[in-house]
């Protein structure tokens, strides 16, 4: 997913999951602004309970082309797991 701004407000969450056996899949969110309000990201296990997917958040400073910066809110990063 690539967007200028991603805002999740009071939704149940965003999840990566598998419909069968194997890796649950990967989701990479790239945006200038990522805002999480009462939301969570989950790397869900596949139906066989073995392999997890991966959720990656990447935020960029829109004033500095090509310069990557980390998420300004550690709580958002804590919810990301692989």
PDB file of N, CA and C in Angstrom:
ATOM      1  N   UNK A   1       0.843  -1.148   0.000  1.00  0.00           N
ATOM      2  CA  UNK A   1       0.000   0.000   0.000  1.00  0.00           C
ATOM      3  C   UNK A   1       0.898   1.223   0.000  1.00  0.00           C
ATOM      4  N   UNK A   2       0.626   2.157  -0.876  1.00  0.00           N
ATOM      5  CA  UNK A   2       1.384   3.398  -0.899  1.00  0.00           C
ATOM      6  C   UNK A   2       0.394   4.549  -0.935  1.00  0.00           C
ATOM      7  N   UNK A   3       0.590   5.508  -0.049  1.00  0.00           N
ATOM      8  CA  UNK A   3      -0.326   6.641   0.042  1.00  0.00           C
ATOM      9  C   UNK A   3       0.419   7.854   0.557  1.00  0.00           C
ATOM     10  N   UNK A   4      -0.129   9.022   0.287  1.00  0.00           N
ATOM     11  CA  UNK A   4       0.437  10.227   0.875  1.00  0.00           C
ATOM     12  C   UNK A   4       0.137  10.246   2.360  1.00  0.00           C
ATOM     13  N   UNK A   5      -1.110   9.932   2.725  1.00  0.00           N
ATOM     14  CA  UNK A   5      -1.524   9.913   4.128  1.00  0.00           C
ATOM     15  C   UNK A   5      -2.360   8.669   4.393  1.00  0.00           C
ATOM     16  N   UNK A   6      -2.060   7.956   5.474  1.00  0.00           N
ATOM     17  CA  UNK A   6      -2.860   6.820   5.923  1.00  0.00           C
ATOM     18  C   UNK A   6      -3.369   7.150   7.311  1.00  0.00           C
ATOM     19  N   UNK A   7      -4.692   7.202   7.479  1.00  0.00           N
ATOM     20  CA  UNK A   7      -5.298   7.501   8.774  1.00  0.00           C
ATOM     21  C   UNK A   7      -6.255   6.370   9.124  1.00  0.00           C
ATOM     22  N   UNK A   8      -6.035   5.741  10.279  1.00  0.00           N
ATOM     23  CA  UNK A   8      -6.943   4.721  10.785  1.00  0.00           C
ATOM     24  C   UNK A   8      -7.542   5.253  12.077  1.00  0.00           C
ATOM     25  N   UNK A   9      -8.814   5.604  12.038  1.00  0.00           N
ATOM     26  CA  UNK A   9      -9.483   6.149  13.211  1.00  0.00           C
ATOM     27  C   UNK A   9     -10.611   5.217  13.639  1.00  0.00           C
ATOM     28  N   UNK A  10     -10.526   4.730  14.852  1.00  0.00           N
ATOM     29  CA  UNK A  10     -11.588   3.920  15.450  1.00  0.00           C
ATOM     30  C   UNK A  10     -12.061   2.789  14.547  1.00  0.00           C
ATOM     31  N   UNK A  11     -11.113   2.100  13.921  1.00  0.00           N
ATOM     32  CA  UNK A  11     -11.452   0.902  13.151  1.00  0.00           C
ATOM     33  C   UNK A  11     -10.922  -0.303  13.910  1.00  0.00           C
ATOM     34  N   UNK A  12     -11.397  -1.470  13.566  1.00  0.00           N
ATOM     35  CA  UNK A  12     -10.994  -2.659  14.309  1.00  0.00           C
ATOM     36  C   UNK A  12      -9.533  -3.014  14.088  1.00  0.00           C
ATOM     37  N   UNK A  13      -8.949  -2.561  12.995  1.00  0.00           N
ATOM     38  CA  UNK A  13      -7.538  -2.820  12.763  1.00  0.00           C
ATOM     39  C   UNK A  13      -7.268  -3.175  11.321  1.00  0.00           C
ATOM     40  N   UNK A  14      -6.009  -3.387  11.033  1.00  0.00           N
ATOM     41  CA  UNK A  14      -5.557  -3.782   9.714  1.00  0.00           C
ATOM     42  C   UNK A  14      -4.732  -5.042   9.909  1.00  0.00           C
ATOM     43  N   UNK A  15      -5.069  -6.104   9.185  1.00  0.00           N
ATOM     44  CA  UNK A  15      -4.474  -7.405   9.465  1.00  0.00           C
ATOM     45  C   UNK A  15      -4.022  -8.083   8.187  1.00  0.00           C
ATOM     46  N   UNK A  16      -2.911  -8.792   8.268  1.00  0.00           N
ATOM     47  CA  UNK A  16      -2.436  -9.645   7.183  1.00  0.00           C
ATOM     48  C   UNK A  16      -2.718 -11.082   7.590  1.00  0.00           C
ATOM     49  N   UNK A  17      -3.435 -11.823   6.751  1.00  0.00           N
ATOM     50  CA  UNK A  17      -3.733 -13.208   7.097  1.00  0.00           C
ATOM     51  C   UNK A  17      -3.727 -14.072   5.845  1.00  0.00           C
ATOM     52  N   UNK A  18      -3.719 -15.372   6.056  1.00  0.00           N
ATOM     53  CA  UNK A  18      -3.678 -16.333   4.966  1.00  0.00           C
ATOM     54  C   UNK A  18      -5.008 -17.069   4.868  1.00  0.00           C
ATOM     55  N   UNK A  19      -5.389 -17.416   3.639  1.00  0.00           N
ATOM     56  CA  UNK A  19      -6.604 -18.213   3.459  1.00  0.00           C
ATOM     57  C   UNK A  19      -6.289 -19.699   3.384  1.00  0.00           C
ATOM     58  N   UNK A  20      -5.025 -20.047   3.412  1.00  0.00           N
ATOM     59  CA  UNK A  20      -4.636 -21.455   3.340  1.00  0.00           C
ATOM     60  C   UNK A  20      -3.419 -21.710   4.192  1.00  0.00           C
ATOM     61  N   UNK A  21      -2.688 -22.746   3.868  1.00  0.00           N
ATOM     62  CA  UNK A  21      -1.468 -23.066   4.602  1.00  0.00           C
ATOM     63  C   UNK A  21      -0.304 -22.246   4.058  1.00  0.00           C
ATOM     64  N   UNK A  22       0.679 -22.006   4.886  1.00  0.00           N
ATOM     65  CA  UNK A  22       1.859 -21.278   4.446  1.00  0.00           C
ATOM     66  C   UNK A  22       1.913 -19.879   5.020  1.00  0.00           C
ATOM     67  N   UNK A  23       2.791 -19.075   4.459  1.00  0.00           N
ATOM     68  CA  UNK A  23       3.019 -17.727   4.953  1.00  0.00           C
ATOM     69  C   UNK A  23       1.741 -16.907   4.891  1.00  0.00           C
ATOM     70  N   UNK A  24       1.502 -16.134   5.936  1.00  0.00           N
ATOM     71  CA  UNK A  24       0.284 -15.327   6.003  1.00  0.00           C
ATOM     72  C   UNK A  24       0.331 -14.124   5.075  1.00  0.00           C
ATOM     73  N   UNK A  25       1.458 -13.852   4.477  1.00  0.00           N
ATOM     74  CA  UNK A  25       1.554 -12.746   3.533  1.00  0.00           C
ATOM     75  C   UNK A  25       2.255 -11.545   4.137  1.00  0.00           C
ATOM     76  N   UNK A  26       2.527 -10.576   3.313  1.00  0.00           N
ATOM     77  CA  UNK A  26       3.239  -9.386   3.753  1.00  0.00           C
ATOM     78  C   UNK A  26       2.462  -8.142   3.352  1.00  0.00           C
ATOM     79  N   UNK A  27       2.539  -7.134   4.173  1.00  0.00           N
ATOM     80  CA  UNK A  27       1.929  -5.842   3.871  1.00  0.00           C
ATOM     81  C   UNK A  27       2.953  -4.775   4.194  1.00  0.00           C
ATOM     82  N   UNK A  28       3.257  -3.942   3.236  1.00  0.00           N
ATOM     83  CA  UNK A  28       4.177  -2.831   3.470  1.00  0.00           C
ATOM     84  C   UNK A  28       3.408  -1.545   3.212  1.00  0.00           C
ATOM     85  N   UNK A  29       3.356  -0.698   4.215  1.00  0.00           N
ATOM     86  CA  UNK A  29       2.674   0.585   4.106  1.00  0.00           C
ATOM     87  C   UNK A  29       3.740   1.660   3.981  1.00  0.00           C
ATOM     88  N   UNK A  30       3.682   2.426   2.908  1.00  0.00           N
ATOM     89  CA  UNK A  30       4.610   3.533   2.691  1.00  0.00           C
ATOM     90  C   UNK A  30       3.780   4.795   2.549  1.00  0.00           C
ATOM     91  N   UNK A  31       4.018   5.757   3.413  1.00  0.00           N
ATOM     92  CA  UNK A  31       3.235   6.993   3.377  1.00  0.00           C
ATOM     93  C   UNK A  31       4.043   8.132   3.969  1.00  0.00           C
ATOM     94  N   UNK A  32       3.712   9.352   3.575  1.00  0.00           N
ATOM     95  CA  UNK A  32       4.325  10.521   4.203  1.00  0.00           C
ATOM     96  C   UNK A  32       3.850  10.643   5.642  1.00  0.00           C
ATOM     97  N   UNK A  33       2.578  10.349   5.872  1.00  0.00           N
ATOM     98  CA  UNK A  33       1.983  10.452   7.205  1.00  0.00           C
ATOM     99  C   UNK A  33       1.228   9.177   7.520  1.00  0.00           C
ATOM    100  N   UNK A  34       1.509   8.570   8.670  1.00  0.00           N
ATOM    101  CA  UNK A  34       0.779   7.402   9.145  1.00  0.00           C
ATOM    102  C   UNK A  34       0.219   7.763  10.504  1.00  0.00           C
ATOM    103  N   UNK A  35      -1.112   7.806  10.616  1.00  0.00           N
ATOM    104  CA  UNK A  35      -1.762   8.203  11.864  1.00  0.00           C
ATOM    105  C   UNK A  35      -2.626   7.053  12.360  1.00  0.00           C
ATOM    106  N   UNK A  36      -2.372   6.610  13.588  1.00  0.00           N
ATOM    107  CA  UNK A  36      -3.137   5.524  14.184  1.00  0.00           C
ATOM    108  C   UNK A  36      -3.869   6.054  15.405  1.00  0.00           C
ATOM    109  N   UNK A  37      -5.182   6.014  15.379  1.00  0.00           N
ATOM    110  CA  UNK A  37      -5.999   6.406  16.523  1.00  0.00           C
ATOM    111  C   UNK A  37      -6.850   5.215  16.931  1.00  0.00           C
ATOM    112  N   UNK A  38      -6.560   4.640  18.081  1.00  0.00           N
ATOM    113  CA  UNK A  38      -7.314   3.489  18.586  1.00  0.00           C
ATOM    114  C   UNK A  38      -7.365   2.350  17.574  1.00  0.00           C
ATOM    115  N   UNK A  39      -6.272   2.132  16.867  1.00  0.00           N
ATOM    116  CA  UNK A  39      -6.195   1.076  15.867  1.00  0.00           C
ATOM    117  C   UNK A  39      -4.965   0.223  16.136  1.00  0.00           C
ATOM    118  N   UNK A  40      -4.883  -0.907  15.484  1.00  0.00           N
ATOM    119  CA  UNK A  40      -3.721  -1.766  15.666  1.00  0.00           C
ATOM    120  C   UNK A  40      -3.384  -2.476  14.372  1.00  0.00           C
ATOM    121  N   UNK A  41      -2.121  -2.875  14.262  1.00  0.00           N
ATOM    122  CA  UNK A  41      -1.641  -3.674  13.147  1.00  0.00           C
ATOM    123  C   UNK A  41      -1.286  -5.045  13.695  1.00  0.00           C
ATOM    124  N   UNK A  42      -1.728  -6.104  13.034  1.00  0.00           N
ATOM    125  CA  UNK A  42      -1.428  -7.462  13.483  1.00  0.00           C
ATOM    126  C   UNK A  42      -0.856  -8.280  12.336  1.00  0.00           C
ATOM    127  N   UNK A  43       0.248  -8.949  12.606  1.00  0.00           N
ATOM    128  CA  UNK A  43       0.776  -9.926  11.662  1.00  0.00           C
ATOM    129  C   UNK A  43       0.179 -11.265  12.074  1.00  0.00           C
ATOM    130  N   UNK A  44      -0.872 -11.667  11.414  1.00  0.00           N
ATOM    131  CA  UNK A  44      -1.640 -12.840  11.821  1.00  0.00           C
ATOM    132  C   UNK A  44      -0.976 -14.132  11.365  1.00  0.00           C
ATOM    133  N   UNK A  45      -1.256 -15.204  12.084  1.00  0.00           N
ATOM    134  CA  UNK A  45      -0.755 -16.514  11.685  1.00  0.00           C
ATOM    135  C   UNK A  45      -1.649 -17.071  10.588  1.00  0.00           C
ATOM    136  N   UNK A  46      -1.091 -17.973   9.788  1.00  0.00           N
ATOM    137  CA  UNK A  46      -1.877 -18.636   8.763  1.00  0.00           C
ATOM    138  C   UNK A  46      -2.810 -19.645   9.423  1.00  0.00           C
ATOM    139  N   UNK A  47      -3.707 -20.221   8.639  1.00  0.00           N
ATOM    140  CA  UNK A  47      -4.687 -21.151   9.202  1.00  0.00           C
ATOM    141  C   UNK A  47      -4.039 -22.359   9.860  1.00  0.00           C
ATOM    142  N   UNK A  48      -2.857 -22.754   9.381  1.00  0.00           N
ATOM    143  CA  UNK A  48      -2.200 -23.896  10.021  1.00  0.00           C
ATOM    144  C   UNK A  48      -1.471 -23.483  11.299  1.00  0.00           C
ATOM    145  N   UNK A  49      -1.500 -22.174  11.618  1.00  0.00           N
ATOM    146  CA  UNK A  49      -0.926 -21.693  12.866  1.00  0.00           C
ATOM    147  C   UNK A  49       0.586 -21.616  12.891  1.00  0.00           C
ATOM    148  N   UNK A  50       1.224 -21.793  11.746  1.00  0.00           N
ATOM    149  CA  UNK A  50       2.684 -21.858  11.719  1.00  0.00           C
ATOM    150  C   UNK A  50       3.351 -20.544  11.320  1.00  0.00           C
ATOM    151  N   UNK A  51       3.000 -20.020  10.155  1.00  0.00           N
ATOM    152  CA  UNK A  51       3.741 -18.891   9.593  1.00  0.00           C
ATOM    153  C   UNK A  51       2.995 -17.582   9.774  1.00  0.00           C
ATOM    154  N   UNK A  52       3.735 -16.578  10.234  1.00  0.00           N
ATOM    155  CA  UNK A  52       3.141 -15.261  10.397  1.00  0.00           C
ATOM    156  C   UNK A  52       3.436 -14.413   9.173  1.00  0.00           C
ATOM    157  N   UNK A  53       2.570 -13.457   8.939  1.00  0.00           N
ATOM    158  CA  UNK A  53       2.842 -12.475   7.901  1.00  0.00           C
ATOM    159  C   UNK A  53       3.723 -11.387   8.481  1.00  0.00           C
ATOM    160  N   UNK A  54       3.897 -10.345   7.732  1.00  0.00           N
ATOM    161  CA  UNK A  54       4.751  -9.255   8.184  1.00  0.00           C
ATOM    162  C   UNK A  54       4.095  -7.929   7.834  1.00  0.00           C
ATOM    163  N   UNK A  55       4.066  -7.023   8.786  1.00  0.00           N
ATOM    164  CA  UNK A  55       3.548  -5.681   8.561  1.00  0.00           C
ATOM    165  C   UNK A  55       4.699  -4.713   8.776  1.00  0.00           C
ATOM    166  N   UNK A  56       4.975  -3.898   7.783  1.00  0.00           N
ATOM    167  CA  UNK A  56       6.068  -2.933   7.863  1.00  0.00           C
ATOM    168  C   UNK A  56       5.519  -1.539   7.627  1.00  0.00           C
ATOM    169  N   UNK A  57       5.838  -0.622   8.527  1.00  0.00           N
ATOM    170  CA  UNK A  57       5.447   0.772   8.354  1.00  0.00           C
ATOM    171  C   UNK A  57       6.682   1.580   7.998  1.00  0.00           C
ATOM    172  N   UNK A  58       6.589   2.369   6.944  1.00  0.00           N
ATOM    173  CA  UNK A  58       7.701   3.218   6.532  1.00  0.00           C
ATOM    174  C   UNK A  58       7.165   4.628   6.339  1.00  0.00           C
ATOM    175  N   UNK A  59       7.714   5.564   7.089  1.00  0.00           N
ATOM    176  CA  UNK A  59       7.290   6.957   6.961  1.00  0.00           C
ATOM    177  C   UNK A  59       8.451   7.774   6.407  1.00  0.00           C
ATOM    178  N   UNK A  60       8.130   8.705   5.533  1.00  0.00           N
ATOM    179  CA  UNK A  60       9.137   9.565   4.925  1.00  0.00           C
ATOM    180  C   UNK A  60       8.845  11.014   5.265  1.00  0.00           C
ATOM    181  N   UNK A  61       9.887  11.790   5.434  1.00  0.00           N
ATOM    182  CA  UNK A  61       9.745  13.230   5.629  1.00  0.00           C
ATOM    183  C   UNK A  61       9.472  13.843   4.259  1.00  0.00           C
ATOM    184  N   UNK A  62       8.264  14.366   4.034  1.00  0.00           N
ATOM    185  CA  UNK A  62       7.926  14.877   2.704  1.00  0.00           C
ATOM    186  C   UNK A  62       8.770  16.074   2.281  1.00  0.00           C
ATOM    187  N   UNK A  63       9.460  16.712   3.226  1.00  0.00           N
ATOM    188  CA  UNK A  63      10.295  17.865   2.876  1.00  0.00           C
ATOM    189  C   UNK A  63      11.700  17.449   2.463  1.00  0.00           C
ATOM    190  N   UNK A  64      12.051  16.180   2.666  1.00  0.00           N
ATOM    191  CA  UNK A  64      13.390  15.695   2.332  1.00  0.00           C
ATOM    192  C   UNK A  64      13.262  14.472   1.435  1.00  0.00           C
ATOM    193  N   UNK A  65      13.440  14.639   0.171  1.00  0.00           N
ATOM    194  CA  UNK A  65      13.269  13.576  -0.805  1.00  0.00           C
ATOM    195  C   UNK A  65      14.228  12.414  -0.541  1.00  0.00           C
ATOM    196  N   UNK A  66      13.667  11.224  -0.435  1.00  0.00           N
ATOM    197  CA  UNK A  66      14.467  10.020  -0.293  1.00  0.00           C
ATOM    198  C   UNK A  66      15.077   9.782   1.080  1.00  0.00           C
ATOM    199  N   UNK A  67      14.730  10.588   2.065  1.00  0.00           N
ATOM    200  CA  UNK A  67      15.277  10.415   3.406  1.00  0.00           C
ATOM    201  C   UNK A  67      14.252   9.692   4.259  1.00  0.00           C
ATOM    202  N   UNK A  68      14.610   8.527   4.764  1.00  0.00           N
ATOM    203  CA  UNK A  68      13.691   7.750   5.580  1.00  0.00           C
ATOM    204  C   UNK A  68      13.841   8.147   7.036  1.00  0.00           C
ATOM    205  N   UNK A  69      12.716   8.230   7.729  1.00  0.00           N
ATOM    206  CA  UNK A  69      12.754   8.504   9.161  1.00  0.00           C
ATOM    207  C   UNK A  69      11.894   7.470   9.858  1.00  0.00           C
ATOM    208  N   UNK A  70      12.160   7.243  11.114  1.00  0.00           N
ATOM    209  CA  UNK A  70      11.380   6.262  11.858  1.00  0.00           C
ATOM    210  C   UNK A  70      10.068   6.886  12.310  1.00  0.00           C
ATOM    211  N   UNK A  71       9.143   6.028  12.695  1.00  0.00           N
ATOM    212  CA  UNK A  71       7.848   6.497  13.170  1.00  0.00           C
ATOM    213  C   UNK A  71       8.033   7.365  14.408  1.00  0.00           C
ATOM    214  N   UNK A  72       7.338   8.496  14.490  1.00  0.00           N
ATOM    215  CA  UNK A  72       7.507   9.380  15.637  1.00  0.00           C
ATOM    216  C   UNK A  72       6.862   8.866  16.913  1.00  0.00           C
ATOM    217  N   UNK A  73       6.045   7.817  16.816  1.00  0.00           N
ATOM    218  CA  UNK A  73       5.358   7.314  17.999  1.00  0.00           C
ATOM    219  C   UNK A  73       5.779   5.878  18.278  1.00  0.00           C
ATOM    220  N   UNK A  74       6.586   5.637  19.313  1.00  0.00           N
ATOM    221  CA  UNK A  74       7.036   4.277  19.623  1.00  0.00           C
ATOM    222  C   UNK A  74       5.891   3.299  19.847  1.00  0.00           C
ATOM    223  N   UNK A  75       4.739   3.771  20.332  1.00  0.00           N
ATOM    224  CA  UNK A  75       3.601   2.878  20.568  1.00  0.00           C
ATOM    225  C   UNK A  75       3.137   2.241  19.268  1.00  0.00           C
ATOM    226  N   UNK A  76       3.186   2.974  18.164  1.00  0.00           N
ATOM    227  CA  UNK A  76       2.794   2.421  16.872  1.00  0.00           C
ATOM    228  C   UNK A  76       3.752   1.315  16.457  1.00  0.00           C
ATOM    229  N   UNK A  77       5.047   1.536  16.684  1.00  0.00           N
ATOM    230  CA  UNK A  77       6.047   0.537  16.312  1.00  0.00           C
ATOM    231  C   UNK A  77       5.917  -0.721  17.164  1.00  0.00           C
ATOM    232  N   UNK A  78       5.513  -0.572  18.413  1.00  0.00           N
ATOM    233  CA  UNK A  78       5.407  -1.718  19.311  1.00  0.00           C
ATOM    234  C   UNK A  78       4.360  -2.707  18.830  1.00  0.00           C
ATOM    235  N   UNK A  79       3.365  -2.234  18.081  1.00  0.00           N
ATOM    236  CA  UNK A  79       2.307  -3.114  17.603  1.00  0.00           C
ATOM    237  C   UNK A  79       2.717  -3.874  16.351  1.00  0.00           C
ATOM    238  N   UNK A  80       3.821  -3.508  15.759  1.00  0.00           N
ATOM    239  CA  UNK A  80       4.279  -4.150  14.537  1.00  0.00           C
ATOM    240  C   UNK A  80       5.158  -5.331  14.896  1.00  0.00           C
ATOM    241  N   UNK A  81       4.835  -6.488  14.358  1.00  0.00           N
ATOM    242  CA  UNK A  81       5.627  -7.678  14.652  1.00  0.00           C
ATOM    243  C   UNK A  81       5.687  -8.549  13.421  1.00  0.00           C
ATOM    244  N   UNK A  82       6.642  -9.435  13.397  1.00  0.00           N
ATOM    245  CA  UNK A  82       6.721 -10.352  12.259  1.00  0.00           C
ATOM    246  C   UNK A  82       6.832 -11.768  12.767  1.00  0.00           C
TER     247      UNK A  82
END
